[in-house]
C-alpha atoms as a PDB file:
ATOM      1  CA  MET A   1      -0.116   0.057   0.042  1.00  0.00           C
ATOM      2  CA  THR A   2       0.829   3.693  -1.143  1.00  0.00           C
ATOM      3  CA  ILE A   3       0.399   5.927   2.438  1.00  0.00           C
ATOM      4  CA  ILE A   4       0.478   9.812   2.558  1.00  0.00           C
ATOM      5  CA  ALA A   5       2.407  10.756   5.166  1.00  0.00           C
ATOM      6  CA  ASP A   6       1.023  13.603   7.270  1.00  0.00           C
ATOM      7  CA  THR A   7       3.207  15.924   9.228  1.00  0.00           C
ATOM      8  CA  ASN A   8       2.861  14.869  12.952  1.00  0.00           C
ATOM      9  CA  LEU A   9       3.636  10.841  11.956  1.00  0.00           C
ATOM     10  CA  LEU A  10       6.981  12.401  10.723  1.00  0.00           C
ATOM     11  CA  ILE A  11       7.523  14.769  13.768  1.00  0.00           C
ATOM     12  CA  ARG A  12       7.235  11.807  15.759  1.00  0.00           C
ATOM     13  CA  ILE A  13       9.894  10.225  14.201  1.00  0.00           C
ATOM     14  CA  PHE A  14      12.463  12.991  14.403  1.00  0.00           C
ATOM     15  CA  ALA A  15      11.031  14.448  17.457  1.00  0.00           C
ATOM     16  CA  ASP A  16      11.057  11.113  19.259  1.00  0.00           C
ATOM     17  CA  ASP A  17       8.951  12.762  22.428  1.00  0.00           C
ATOM     18  CA  ASP A  18       6.609  10.147  22.381  1.00  0.00           C
ATOM     19  CA  ARG A  19       7.915   6.833  22.116  1.00  0.00           C
ATOM     20  CA  ARG A  20       4.533   5.041  21.675  1.00  0.00           C
ATOM     21  CA  GLN A  21       3.607   7.193  18.864  1.00  0.00           C
ATOM     22  CA  ARG A  22       7.068   6.972  17.350  1.00  0.00           C
ATOM     23  CA  ASP A  23       7.047   3.184  17.097  1.00  0.00           C
ATOM     24  CA  LEU A  24       3.447   3.687  15.341  1.00  0.00           C
ATOM     25  CA  ALA A  25       4.785   6.156  13.297  1.00  0.00           C
ATOM     26  CA  LEU A  26       7.999   3.892  12.338  1.00  0.00           C
ATOM     27  CA  ALA A  27       5.941   0.635  11.839  1.00  0.00           C
ATOM     28  CA  GLU A  28       3.364   2.713   9.865  1.00  0.00           C
ATOM     29  CA  LEU A  29       6.704   3.784   7.154  1.00  0.00           C
ATOM     30  CA  GLU A  30       8.349   0.185   7.662  1.00  0.00           C
ATOM     31  CA  ASN A  31       5.151  -1.606   6.556  1.00  0.00           C
ATOM     32  CA  ALA A  32       4.299   0.782   3.901  1.00  0.00           C
ATOM     33  CA  GLU A  33       5.444  -0.133   0.316  1.00  0.00           C
ATOM     34  CA  ARG A  34       5.671   3.532  -0.610  1.00  0.00           C
ATOM     35  CA  ILE A  35       5.222   6.750   1.170  1.00  0.00           C
ATOM     36  CA  VAL A  36       4.335   9.882  -0.342  1.00  0.00           C
ATOM     37  CA  VAL A  37       5.328  13.224   1.447  1.00  0.00           C
ATOM     38  CA  THR A  38       4.104  16.466  -0.243  1.00  0.00           C
ATOM     39  CA  ILE A  39       5.826  19.975  -0.259  1.00  0.00           C
ATOM     40  CA  SER A  40       3.326  21.456   2.327  1.00  0.00           C
ATOM     41  CA  VAL A  41       4.167  18.441   4.836  1.00  0.00           C
ATOM     42  CA  LEU A  42       8.111  19.457   4.680  1.00  0.00           C
ATOM     43  CA  CYS A  43       6.950  23.333   4.897  1.00  0.00           C
ATOM     44  CA  GLU A  44       5.072  22.360   7.922  1.00  0.00           C
ATOM     45  CA  PHE A  45       7.677  19.674   9.333  1.00  0.00           C
ATOM     46  CA  CYS A  46      10.214  22.446   9.084  1.00  0.00           C
ATOM     47  CA  TRP A  47       8.059  24.689  10.809  1.00  0.00           C
ATOM     48  CA  VAL A  48       7.300  22.964  13.323  1.00  0.00           C
ATOM     49  CA  LEU A  49      10.709  21.751  13.973  1.00  0.00           C
ATOM     50  CA  MET A  50      12.191  25.301  13.870  1.00  0.00           C
ATOM     51  CA  SER A  51       9.427  26.922  16.653  1.00  0.00           C
ATOM     52  CA  ARG A  52       8.450  24.063  18.408  1.00  0.00           C
ATOM     53  CA  TYR A  53      11.628  22.306  19.197  1.00  0.00           C
ATOM     54  CA  ARG A  54      14.204  24.344  18.312  1.00  0.00           C
ATOM     55  CA  LEU A  55      16.123  22.606  15.902  1.00  0.00           C
ATOM     56  CA  ALA A  56      18.732  24.328  13.495  1.00  0.00           C
ATOM     57  CA  GLU A  57      18.408  24.555   9.823  1.00  0.00           C
ATOM     58  CA  GLY A  58      21.375  22.260   9.185  1.00  0.00           C
ATOM     59  CA  GLU A  59      19.826  19.615  11.469  1.00  0.00           C
ATOM     60  CA  ILE A  60      16.267  19.929   9.686  1.00  0.00           C
ATOM     61  CA  ALA A  61      18.008  20.348   6.215  1.00  0.00           C
ATOM     62  CA  SER A  62      19.741  16.684   7.423  1.00  0.00           C
ATOM     63  CA  ALA A  63      16.795  15.209   8.658  1.00  0.00           C
ATOM     64  CA  ILE A  64      14.465  16.349   5.458  1.00  0.00           C
ATOM     65  CA  ARG A  65      17.890  14.782   3.055  1.00  0.00           C
ATOM     66  CA  ALA A  66      17.579  11.397   5.525  1.00  0.00           C
ATOM     67  CA  LEU A  67      14.210  11.351   4.964  1.00  0.00           C
ATOM     68  CA  VAL A  68      13.832  11.605   1.287  1.00  0.00           C
ATOM     69  CA  GLY A  69      16.828   9.518   0.663  1.00  0.00           C
ATOM     70  CA  GLN A  70      14.592   6.533   1.415  1.00  0.00           C
ATOM     71  CA  PRO A  71      13.831   4.317  -1.829  1.00  0.00           C
ATOM     72  CA  LYS A  72      10.119   3.970  -0.316  1.00  0.00           C
ATOM     73  CA  ILE A  73       9.445   8.092  -0.299  1.00  0.00           C
ATOM     74  CA  VAL A  74       7.623   9.257  -3.392  1.00  0.00           C
ATOM     75  CA  ALA A  75       8.483  13.395  -3.584  1.00  0.00           C
ATOM     76  CA  GLU A  76       8.749  16.465  -5.727  1.00  0.00           C
ATOM     77  CA  ARG A  77      12.489  16.110  -5.613  1.00  0.00           C
ATOM     78  CA  SER A  78      13.043  19.721  -7.808  1.00  0.00           C
ATOM     79  CA  ALA A  79      11.234  21.500  -4.935  1.00  0.00           C
ATOM     80  CA  ILE A  80      12.984  20.019  -2.418  1.00  0.00           C
ATOM     81  CA  LEU A  81      16.129  20.770  -3.396  1.00  0.00           C
ATOM     82  CA  ALA A  82      14.901  24.546  -3.701  1.00  0.00           C
ATOM     83  CA  GLY A  83      13.753  24.168  -0.017  1.00  0.00           C
ATOM     84  CA  LEU A  84      16.972  22.806   1.079  1.00  0.00           C
ATOM     85  CA  ALA A  85      18.954  25.618  -0.942  1.00  0.00           C
ATOM     86  CA  MET A  86      17.741  28.238   1.129  1.00  0.00           C
ATOM     87  CA  LEU A  87      17.576  26.368   4.550  1.00  0.00           C
ATOM     88  CA  ASP A  88      21.326  25.632   3.622  1.00  0.00           C
ATOM     89  CA  ALA A  89      22.078  29.347   3.421  1.00  0.00           C
ATOM     90  CA  GLY A  90      20.269  30.580   6.470  1.00  0.00           C
ATOM     91  CA  GLY A  91      16.379  30.999   5.417  1.00  0.00           C
ATOM     92  CA  ASP A  92      13.321  29.330   5.120  1.00  0.00           C
ATOM     93  CA  PHE A  93      12.657  25.752   3.572  1.00  0.00           C
ATOM     94  CA  ALA A  94       9.200  27.469   2.446  1.00  0.00           C
ATOM     95  CA  ASP A  95      10.371  30.130   0.663  1.00  0.00           C
ATOM     96  CA  GLY A  96      12.552  28.255  -0.784  1.00  0.00           C
ATOM     97  CA  VAL A  97       9.850  26.209  -2.408  1.00  0.00           C
ATOM     98  CA  ILE A  98       7.551  29.089  -3.060  1.00  0.00           C
ATOM     99  CA  ALA A  99      10.019  30.262  -5.653  1.00  0.00           C
ATOM    100  CA  HIS A 100      10.737  27.648  -7.069  1.00  0.00           C
ATOM    101  CA  GLU A 101       6.857  26.606  -7.689  1.00  0.00           C
ATOM    102  CA  GLY A 102       6.525  29.948  -8.774  1.00  0.00           C
ATOM    103  CA  ARG A 103       8.888  29.908 -11.309  1.00  0.00           C
ATOM    104  CA  ARG A 104       7.843  26.861 -12.455  1.00  0.00           C
ATOM    105  CA  LEU A 105       4.100  28.099 -12.844  1.00  0.00           C
ATOM    106  CA  GLY A 106       5.487  30.667 -15.122  1.00  0.00           C
ATOM    107  CA  GLY A 107       6.442  33.596 -12.728  1.00  0.00           C
ATOM    108  CA  GLU A 108       9.063  35.379 -13.302  1.00  0.00           C
ATOM    109  CA  ILE A 109      10.197  37.427  -9.672  1.00  0.00           C
ATOM    110  CA  PHE A 110       9.664  36.442  -5.871  1.00  0.00           C
ATOM    111  CA  VAL A 111       8.055  39.519  -4.530  1.00  0.00           C
ATOM    112  CA  SER A 112       8.346  39.397  -0.669  1.00  0.00           C
ATOM    113  CA  PHE A 113       8.403  42.327   2.477  1.00  0.00           C
ATOM    114  CA  ASP A 114      10.948  39.296   3.604  1.00  0.00           C
ATOM    115  CA  ARG A 115      14.098  41.384   2.966  1.00  0.00           C
ATOM    116  CA  LYS A 116      16.380  37.769   4.030  1.00  0.00           C
ATOM    117  CA  ALA A 117      14.419  35.514   1.730  1.00  0.00           C
ATOM    118  CA  VAL A 118      15.436  38.092  -1.068  1.00  0.00           C
ATOM    119  CA  ARG A 119      18.522  38.432  -0.775  1.00  0.00           C
ATOM    120  CA  LEU A 120      19.170  34.800  -0.162  1.00  0.00           C
ATOM    121  CA  LEU A 121      17.279  34.092  -3.075  1.00  0.00           C
ATOM    122  CA  ILE A 122      19.345  37.230  -5.075  1.00  0.00           C
ATOM    123  CA  ALA A 123      22.236  35.427  -3.769  1.00  0.00           C
ATOM    124  CA  GLN A 124      21.399  31.910  -5.527  1.00  0.00           C
ATOM    125  CA  GLY A 125      20.706  33.959  -8.742  1.00  0.00           C
ATOM    126  CA  LEU A 126      17.318  33.950  -8.648  1.00  0.00           C
ATOM    127  CA  LYS A 127      15.491  37.250  -9.118  1.00  0.00           C
ATOM    128  CA  ALA A 128      13.970  38.463  -6.370  1.00  0.00           C
ATOM    129  CA  ARG A 129      13.091  42.121  -4.951  1.00  0.00           C
ATOM    130  CA  PRO A 130      10.445  43.751  -2.285  1.00  0.00           C
ATOM    131  CA  PRO A 131       7.511  45.315  -3.036  1.00  0.00           C
ATOM    132  CA  THR A 132       8.141  48.869  -5.161  1.00  0.00           C
ATOM    133  CA  GLY A 133       8.337  51.478  -2.852  1.00  0.00           C
ATOM    134  CA  THR A 134       9.605  49.774   0.590  1.00  0.00           C
END
């Protein structure tokens, strides 16, 4: 069976703060033939690990790499790489994903009040700017 992993399933494994739920989550992943991990789940995964568990970007990037490196995992690899590039640069995974998905859908430039995201995207050679007049 192919399962769709919710964020809380993955959090239980990586946070390891509830042994019973961690064991149940691991059993689900081990018993599945394939595991679908959506981009929205990974964005939420990052946010929870940063805000609730206070993990650093590098720790979260390592967790994502370990997860998506598993042969059973089905995920949007190009969007994940864009998110990881932002995490590796000290930014937010979601901003990298948003910029990637926006370009894929025909967008030309990432526009945000988040100056750090804009700066990091420009450093990656992508078009980005704050809103005009700010």
